[in-house]
Amino acid sequence: MPLSYCSRRFATLLVLTGIILASVVGIARPAAAHDALAGSTPATGGTVTTTLTTVTVTFSEPPLADFASALALKVADPTGATVTTGAPTAEGASLTAPVAITRAGVHTVTWQSVSSDGHPVSGTFTFTYAGPLPTAEPKPTTTPTPTRTTELLETASTTAQPPSAAFGGGTAFAPAALIIGTLLVLVMGAVIWLTRRRRGGPTTPTRPDADE
């Protein structure tokens, strides 16, 4: 086999190898450029024993500001209910959302961002909350007001029947009895006077004689 023919075949093989390597590198670069989750607060799989008001995720590169509407950060409690209370805010390479946790247990964080190469990235992780929980506010106790008590007393006094009404005359009974008693005395006096006069008795006491 001539040497020149072998040389041409070897050169062709080198070119094909170079093309294949360039293709592999070109495909790998965009994949390697995708941002990844670099850290979080609380940490993945960690346990929180203090009050928690925000959850933060940090990426390897800052998310693209042009795709702010595609950013998302949601936290769900052990029952699946969402405990995030507002939209996430981006600062540098971090994404933070406010939370109001009311249950202890495993919470699930779901995040979404846009990589610096324009590709969307997302993921989930969990943490356990064992910190203090908000206490229920005591129900206010109602007490009767003095005004209400006074109204009840006034109502009872207006509806109750006066004791004097049970005798049929009330305060009019006293003058009537006085008049009747006076009439009886006068009648008895007149009867006594008439009786003595008919018998011829003196109507007035006799005075003793002055000479005696």
C-alpha atoms as a PDB file:
ATOM      1  CA  MET A   1       0.000   0.000   0.000  1.00  0.00           C
ATOM      2  CA  PRO A   2       1.556   3.365  -0.997  1.00  0.00           C
ATOM      3  CA  LEU A   3       2.579   5.686   1.797  1.00  0.00           C
ATOM      4  CA  SER A   4       0.715   8.620   0.318  1.00  0.00           C
ATOM      5  CA  TYR A   5      -2.569   6.713   0.431  1.00  0.00           C
ATOM      6  CA  CYS A   6      -2.072   5.907   4.134  1.00  0.00           C
ATOM      7  CA  SER A   7      -1.256   9.501   4.853  1.00  0.00           C
ATOM      8  CA  ARG A   8      -4.440  10.679   3.205  1.00  0.00           C
ATOM      9  CA  ARG A   9      -6.526   8.207   5.147  1.00  0.00           C
ATOM     10  CA  PHE A  10      -4.866   9.222   8.422  1.00  0.00           C
ATOM     11  CA  ALA A  11      -5.480  12.898   7.700  1.00  0.00           C
ATOM     12  CA  THR A  12      -9.105  12.218   6.901  1.00  0.00           C
ATOM     13  CA  LEU A  13      -9.467  10.298  10.160  1.00  0.00           C
ATOM     14  CA  LEU A  14      -7.984  13.202  12.101  1.00  0.00           C
ATOM     15  CA  VAL A  15     -10.398  15.644  10.505  1.00  0.00           C
ATOM     16  CA  LEU A  16     -13.388  13.466  11.290  1.00  0.00           C
ATOM     17  CA  THR A  17     -12.197  13.083  14.893  1.00  0.00           C
ATOM     18  CA  GLY A  18     -11.829  16.827  15.218  1.00  0.00           C
ATOM     19  CA  ILE A  19     -15.325  17.410  13.873  1.00  0.00           C
ATOM     20  CA  ILE A  20     -16.793  14.893  16.304  1.00  0.00           C
ATOM     21  CA  LEU A  21     -14.919  16.429  19.266  1.00  0.00           C
ATOM     22  CA  ALA A  22     -16.039  19.918  18.286  1.00  0.00           C
ATOM     23  CA  SER A  23     -19.645  18.770  18.114  1.00  0.00           C
ATOM     24  CA  VAL A  24     -19.457  17.137  21.525  1.00  0.00           C
ATOM     25  CA  VAL A  25     -17.909  20.241  23.077  1.00  0.00           C
ATOM     26  CA  GLY A  26     -20.502  22.475  21.403  1.00  0.00           C
ATOM     27  CA  ILE A  27     -23.343  20.396  22.798  1.00  0.00           C
ATOM     28  CA  ALA A  28     -21.836  20.207  26.288  1.00  0.00           C
ATOM     29  CA  ARG A  29     -21.256  23.941  26.667  1.00  0.00           C
ATOM     30  CA  PRO A  30     -24.915  25.023  26.674  1.00  0.00           C
ATOM     31  CA  ALA A  31     -25.752  22.220  29.078  1.00  0.00           C
ATOM     32  CA  ALA A  32     -22.954  23.259  31.410  1.00  0.00           C
ATOM     33  CA  ALA A  33     -24.108  26.887  31.221  1.00  0.00           C
ATOM     34  CA  HIS A  34     -27.446  26.114  32.907  1.00  0.00           C
ATOM     35  CA  ASP A  35     -27.643  27.658  36.366  1.00  0.00           C
ATOM     36  CA  ALA A  36     -28.028  25.338  39.327  1.00  0.00           C
ATOM     37  CA  LEU A  37     -29.206  25.689  42.929  1.00  0.00           C
ATOM     38  CA  ALA A  38     -26.139  26.660  44.952  1.00  0.00           C
ATOM     39  CA  GLY A  39     -27.771  26.899  48.394  1.00  0.00           C
ATOM     40  CA  SER A  40     -30.911  27.726  50.353  1.00  0.00           C
ATOM     41  CA  THR A  41     -32.167  29.035  53.671  1.00  0.00           C
ATOM     42  CA  PRO A  42     -33.353  26.794  55.284  1.00  0.00           C
ATOM     43  CA  ALA A  43     -30.878  24.264  53.954  1.00  0.00           C
ATOM     44  CA  THR A  44     -32.041  21.278  51.972  1.00  0.00           C
ATOM     45  CA  GLY A  45     -33.122  18.565  54.418  1.00  0.00           C
ATOM     46  CA  GLY A  46     -32.394  20.820  57.408  1.00  0.00           C
ATOM     47  CA  THR A  47     -34.456  21.387  60.584  1.00  0.00           C
ATOM     48  CA  VAL A  48     -35.544  24.851  61.708  1.00  0.00           C
ATOM     49  CA  THR A  49     -36.075  25.417  65.450  1.00  0.00           C
ATOM     50  CA  THR A  50     -36.523  29.196  65.402  1.00  0.00           C
ATOM     51  CA  THR A  51     -39.130  31.515  63.956  1.00  0.00           C
ATOM     52  CA  LEU A  52     -39.068  31.461  60.156  1.00  0.00           C
ATOM     53  CA  THR A  53     -40.499  34.366  58.142  1.00  0.00           C
ATOM     54  CA  THR A  54     -38.737  33.988  54.753  1.00  0.00           C
ATOM     55  CA  VAL A  55     -37.339  31.254  52.522  1.00  0.00           C
ATOM     56  CA  THR A  56     -34.372  31.979  50.211  1.00  0.00           C
ATOM     57  CA  VAL A  57     -32.830  30.035  47.334  1.00  0.00           C
ATOM     58  CA  THR A  58     -29.469  30.980  45.817  1.00  0.00           C
ATOM     59  CA  PHE A  59     -28.350  30.042  42.294  1.00  0.00           C
ATOM     60  CA  SER A  60     -24.921  29.675  40.751  1.00  0.00           C
ATOM     61  CA  GLU A  61     -25.627  32.735  38.552  1.00  0.00           C
ATOM     62  CA  PRO A  62     -28.110  35.619  38.877  1.00  0.00           C
ATOM     63  CA  PRO A  63     -31.413  34.960  37.096  1.00  0.00           C
ATOM     64  CA  LEU A  64     -32.115  36.963  33.946  1.00  0.00           C
ATOM     65  CA  ALA A  65     -33.934  40.178  34.863  1.00  0.00           C
ATOM     66  CA  ASP A  66     -35.856  40.113  31.566  1.00  0.00           C
ATOM     67  CA  PHE A  67     -37.682  36.970  32.692  1.00  0.00           C
ATOM     68  CA  ALA A  68     -38.775  38.163  36.147  1.00  0.00           C
ATOM     69  CA  SER A  69     -42.312  36.940  35.490  1.00  0.00           C
ATOM     70  CA  ALA A  70     -40.963  33.379  35.175  1.00  0.00           C
ATOM     71  CA  LEU A  71     -39.424  33.425  38.664  1.00  0.00           C
ATOM     72  CA  ALA A  72     -41.353  31.458  41.254  1.00  0.00           C
ATOM     73  CA  LEU A  73     -40.830  30.307  44.839  1.00  0.00           C
ATOM     74  CA  LYS A  74     -43.562  28.463  46.747  1.00  0.00           C
ATOM     75  CA  VAL A  75     -43.548  26.724  50.135  1.00  0.00           C
ATOM     76  CA  ALA A  76     -46.168  24.153  51.155  1.00  0.00           C
ATOM     77  CA  ASP A  77     -46.804  22.836  54.681  1.00  0.00           C
ATOM     78  CA  PRO A  78     -47.276  19.134  55.616  1.00  0.00           C
ATOM     79  CA  THR A  79     -50.931  19.273  54.500  1.00  0.00           C
ATOM     80  CA  GLY A  80     -50.030  20.707  51.090  1.00  0.00           C
ATOM     81  CA  ALA A  81     -51.367  24.180  51.865  1.00  0.00           C
ATOM     82  CA  THR A  82     -49.320  27.099  50.572  1.00  0.00           C
ATOM     83  CA  VAL A  83     -47.667  29.174  53.322  1.00  0.00           C
ATOM     84  CA  THR A  84     -45.997  31.791  51.093  1.00  0.00           C
ATOM     85  CA  THR A  85     -47.664  35.159  51.632  1.00  0.00           C
ATOM     86  CA  GLY A  86     -46.232  37.167  48.752  1.00  0.00           C
ATOM     87  CA  ALA A  87     -44.410  37.154  45.424  1.00  0.00           C
ATOM     88  CA  PRO A  88     -40.692  36.303  45.427  1.00  0.00           C
ATOM     89  CA  THR A  89     -38.111  39.062  45.078  1.00  0.00           C
ATOM     90  CA  ALA A  90     -34.759  38.669  43.308  1.00  0.00           C
ATOM     91  CA  GLU A  91     -31.564  40.162  44.697  1.00  0.00           C
ATOM     92  CA  GLY A  92     -28.342  39.186  42.996  1.00  0.00           C
ATOM     93  CA  ALA A  93     -28.322  35.428  42.603  1.00  0.00           C
ATOM     94  CA  SER A  94     -30.911  34.893  45.369  1.00  0.00           C
ATOM     95  CA  LEU A  95     -34.688  34.573  45.322  1.00  0.00           C
ATOM     96  CA  THR A  96     -36.632  35.241  48.564  1.00  0.00           C
ATOM     97  CA  ALA A  97     -40.301  34.793  49.443  1.00  0.00           C
ATOM     98  CA  PRO A  98     -42.175  35.638  52.685  1.00  0.00           C
ATOM     99  CA  VAL A  99     -43.851  32.778  54.570  1.00  0.00           C
ATOM    100  CA  ALA A 100     -46.273  32.363  57.477  1.00  0.00           C
ATOM    101  CA  ILE A 101     -45.807  28.897  58.953  1.00  0.00           C
ATOM    102  CA  THR A 102     -48.562  27.586  61.232  1.00  0.00           C
ATOM    103  CA  ARG A 103     -47.768  23.851  61.337  1.00  0.00           C
ATOM    104  CA  ALA A 104     -44.774  21.822  62.417  1.00  0.00           C
ATOM    105  CA  GLY A 105     -43.385  19.132  60.124  1.00  0.00           C
ATOM    106  CA  VAL A 106     -41.881  18.668  56.685  1.00  0.00           C
ATOM    107  CA  HIS A 107     -42.312  21.615  54.304  1.00  0.00           C
ATOM    108  CA  THR A 108     -41.734  21.439  50.540  1.00  0.00           C
ATOM    109  CA  VAL A 109     -40.072  24.254  48.570  1.00  0.00           C
ATOM    110  CA  THR A 110     -40.703  24.520  44.820  1.00  0.00           C
ATOM    111  CA  TRP A 111     -38.616  27.011  42.850  1.00  0.00           C
ATOM    112  CA  GLN A 112     -38.311  28.134  39.244  1.00  0.00           C
ATOM    113  CA  SER A 113     -35.820  30.455  37.574  1.00  0.00           C
ATOM    114  CA  VAL A 114     -34.387  31.373  34.178  1.00  0.00           C
ATOM    115  CA  SER A 115     -30.786  30.412  33.620  1.00  0.00           C
ATOM    116  CA  SER A 116     -28.247  32.912  32.338  1.00  0.00           C
ATOM    117  CA  ASP A 117     -28.332  31.114  28.970  1.00  0.00           C
ATOM    118  CA  GLY A 118     -32.103  31.696  28.705  1.00  0.00           C
ATOM    119  CA  HIS A 119     -33.216  28.201  29.650  1.00  0.00           C
ATOM    120  CA  PRO A 120     -35.778  27.741  32.474  1.00  0.00           C
ATOM    121  CA  VAL A 121     -34.635  25.678  35.449  1.00  0.00           C
ATOM    122  CA  SER A 122     -36.686  24.410  38.393  1.00  0.00           C
ATOM    123  CA  GLY A 123     -36.528  22.021  41.310  1.00  0.00           C
ATOM    124  CA  THR A 124     -37.826  21.124  44.769  1.00  0.00           C
ATOM    125  CA  PHE A 125     -36.398  20.367  48.192  1.00  0.00           C
ATOM    126  CA  THR A 126     -37.726  19.893  51.719  1.00  0.00           C
ATOM    127  CA  PHE A 127     -36.945  21.062  55.231  1.00  0.00           C
ATOM    128  CA  THR A 128     -38.465  20.317  58.647  1.00  0.00           C
ATOM    129  CA  TYR A 129     -39.960  23.065  60.765  1.00  0.00           C
ATOM    130  CA  ALA A 130     -39.881  22.522  64.550  1.00  0.00           C
ATOM    131  CA  GLY A 131     -39.892  26.128  65.704  1.00  0.00           C
ATOM    132  CA  PRO A 132     -42.459  28.094  67.696  1.00  0.00           C
ATOM    133  CA  LEU A 133     -45.965  28.333  66.285  1.00  0.00           C
ATOM    134  CA  PRO A 134     -48.276  31.344  66.560  1.00  0.00           C
ATOM    135  CA  THR A 135     -50.758  31.142  69.433  1.00  0.00           C
ATOM    136  CA  ALA A 136     -54.468  31.648  68.916  1.00  0.00           C
ATOM    137  CA  GLU A 137     -55.808  34.970  70.144  1.00  0.00           C
ATOM    138  CA  PRO A 138     -58.157  34.635  73.165  1.00  0.00           C
ATOM    139  CA  LYS A 139     -61.801  35.360  72.498  1.00  0.00           C
ATOM    140  CA  PRO A 140     -63.026  38.570  74.151  1.00  0.00           C
ATOM    141  CA  THR A 141     -65.429  38.093  77.066  1.00  0.00           C
ATOM    142  CA  THR A 142     -68.611  40.143  77.134  1.00  0.00           C
ATOM    143  CA  THR A 143     -69.913  41.622  80.397  1.00  0.00           C
ATOM    144  CA  PRO A 144     -73.316  43.271  80.904  1.00  0.00           C
ATOM    145  CA  THR A 145     -73.167  47.043  81.013  1.00  0.00           C
ATOM    146  CA  PRO A 146     -74.745  49.115  83.829  1.00  0.00           C
ATOM    147  CA  THR A 147     -77.037  50.751  81.266  1.00  0.00           C
ATOM    148  CA  ARG A 148     -78.559  47.418  80.343  1.00  0.00           C
ATOM    149  CA  THR A 149     -79.093  46.517  84.020  1.00  0.00           C
ATOM    150  CA  THR A 150     -80.823  49.847  84.652  1.00  0.00           C
ATOM    151  CA  GLU A 151     -83.130  49.310  81.702  1.00  0.00           C
ATOM    152  CA  LEU A 152     -84.138  45.886  83.009  1.00  0.00           C
ATOM    153  CA  LEU A 153     -84.895  47.291  86.475  1.00  0.00           C
ATOM    154  CA  GLU A 154     -86.973  50.115  85.011  1.00  0.00           C
ATOM    155  CA  THR A 155     -88.920  47.675  82.837  1.00  0.00           C
ATOM    156  CA  ALA A 156     -89.642  45.439  85.862  1.00  0.00           C
ATOM    157  CA  SER A 157     -90.826  48.390  87.947  1.00  0.00           C
ATOM    158  CA  THR A 158     -93.241  49.590  85.251  1.00  0.00           C
ATOM    159  CA  THR A 159     -94.773  46.165  84.664  1.00  0.00           C
ATOM    160  CA  ALA A 160     -95.146  45.150  88.353  1.00  0.00           C
ATOM    161  CA  GLN A 161     -98.514  45.903  90.033  1.00  0.00           C
ATOM    162  CA  PRO A 162     -98.335  48.235  93.084  1.00  0.00           C
ATOM    163  CA  PRO A 163     -99.227  46.513  96.374  1.00  0.00           C
ATOM    164  CA  SER A 164    -101.896  49.112  97.187  1.00  0.00           C
ATOM    165  CA  ALA A 165    -103.785  48.275  94.003  1.00  0.00           C
ATOM    166  CA  ALA A 166    -104.617  44.848  95.441  1.00  0.00           C
ATOM    167  CA  PHE A 167    -106.991  46.527  97.953  1.00  0.00           C
ATOM    168  CA  GLY A 168    -108.975  48.164  95.210  1.00  0.00           C
ATOM    169  CA  GLY A 169    -108.536  51.746  96.325  1.00  0.00           C
ATOM    170  CA  GLY A 170    -104.897  52.530  96.781  1.00  0.00           C
ATOM    171  CA  THR A 171    -104.353  55.865  98.497  1.00  0.00           C
ATOM    172  CA  ALA A 172    -108.065  56.741  98.180  1.00  0.00           C
ATOM    173  CA  PHE A 173    -108.867  54.189 100.948  1.00  0.00           C
ATOM    174  CA  ALA A 174    -107.588  56.374 103.804  1.00  0.00           C
ATOM    175  CA  PRO A 175    -109.799  59.489 103.141  1.00  0.00           C
ATOM    176  CA  ALA A 176    -112.885  57.300 102.626  1.00  0.00           C
ATOM    177  CA  ALA A 177    -112.345  55.529 105.954  1.00  0.00           C
ATOM    178  CA  LEU A 178    -111.838  58.870 107.700  1.00  0.00           C
ATOM    179  CA  ILE A 179    -115.065  60.267 106.305  1.00  0.00           C
ATOM    180  CA  ILE A 180    -117.055  57.170 107.236  1.00  0.00           C
ATOM    181  CA  GLY A 181    -115.623  57.182 110.762  1.00  0.00           C
ATOM    182  CA  THR A 182    -116.503  60.826 111.231  1.00  0.00           C
ATOM    183  CA  LEU A 183    -120.043  60.246 110.066  1.00  0.00           C
ATOM    184  CA  LEU A 184    -120.435  57.321 112.448  1.00  0.00           C
ATOM    185  CA  VAL A 185    -119.270  59.459 115.419  1.00  0.00           C
ATOM    186  CA  LEU A 186    -121.708  62.227 114.497  1.00  0.00           C
ATOM    187  CA  VAL A 187    -124.587  59.782 114.122  1.00  0.00           C
ATOM    188  CA  MET A 188    -123.826  58.147 117.469  1.00  0.00           C
ATOM    189  CA  GLY A 189    -123.631  61.551 119.163  1.00  0.00           C
ATOM    190  CA  ALA A 190    -126.957  62.592 117.703  1.00  0.00           C
ATOM    191  CA  VAL A 191    -128.597  59.363 118.839  1.00  0.00           C
ATOM    192  CA  ILE A 192    -127.345  59.821 122.414  1.00  0.00           C
ATOM    193  CA  TRP A 193    -128.513  63.431 122.473  1.00  0.00           C
ATOM    194  CA  LEU A 194    -131.994  62.564 121.254  1.00  0.00           C
ATOM    195  CA  THR A 195    -132.296  59.706 123.726  1.00  0.00           C
ATOM    196  CA  ARG A 196    -131.490  61.891 126.714  1.00  0.00           C
ATOM    197  CA  ARG A 197    -133.841  64.601 125.580  1.00  0.00           C
ATOM    198  CA  ARG A 198    -136.790  62.211 125.291  1.00  0.00           C
ATOM    199  CA  ARG A 199    -136.166  60.949 128.836  1.00  0.00           C
ATOM    200  CA  GLY A 200    -136.245  64.506 130.149  1.00  0.00           C
ATOM    201  CA  GLY A 201    -132.749  64.390 131.420  1.00  0.00           C
ATOM    202  CA  PRO A 202    -130.680  67.474 131.457  1.00  0.00           C
ATOM    203  CA  THR A 203    -128.913  68.088 128.336  1.00  0.00           C
ATOM    204  CA  THR A 204    -126.283  70.086 130.137  1.00  0.00           C
ATOM    205  CA  PRO A 205    -124.715  69.452 133.465  1.00  0.00           C
ATOM    206  CA  THR A 206    -126.295  71.500 136.361  1.00  0.00           C
ATOM    207  CA  ARG A 207    -124.118  73.935 138.120  1.00  0.00           C
ATOM    208  CA  PRO A 208    -124.169  73.867 141.940  1.00  0.00           C
ATOM    209  CA  ASP A 209    -126.106  76.693 143.646  1.00  0.00           C
ATOM    210  CA  ALA A 210    -123.962  79.626 144.507  1.00  0.00           C
ATOM    211  CA  ASP A 211    -125.471  80.031 147.956  1.00  0.00           C
ATOM    212  CA  GLU A 212    -124.582  76.571 148.937  1.00  0.00           C
END
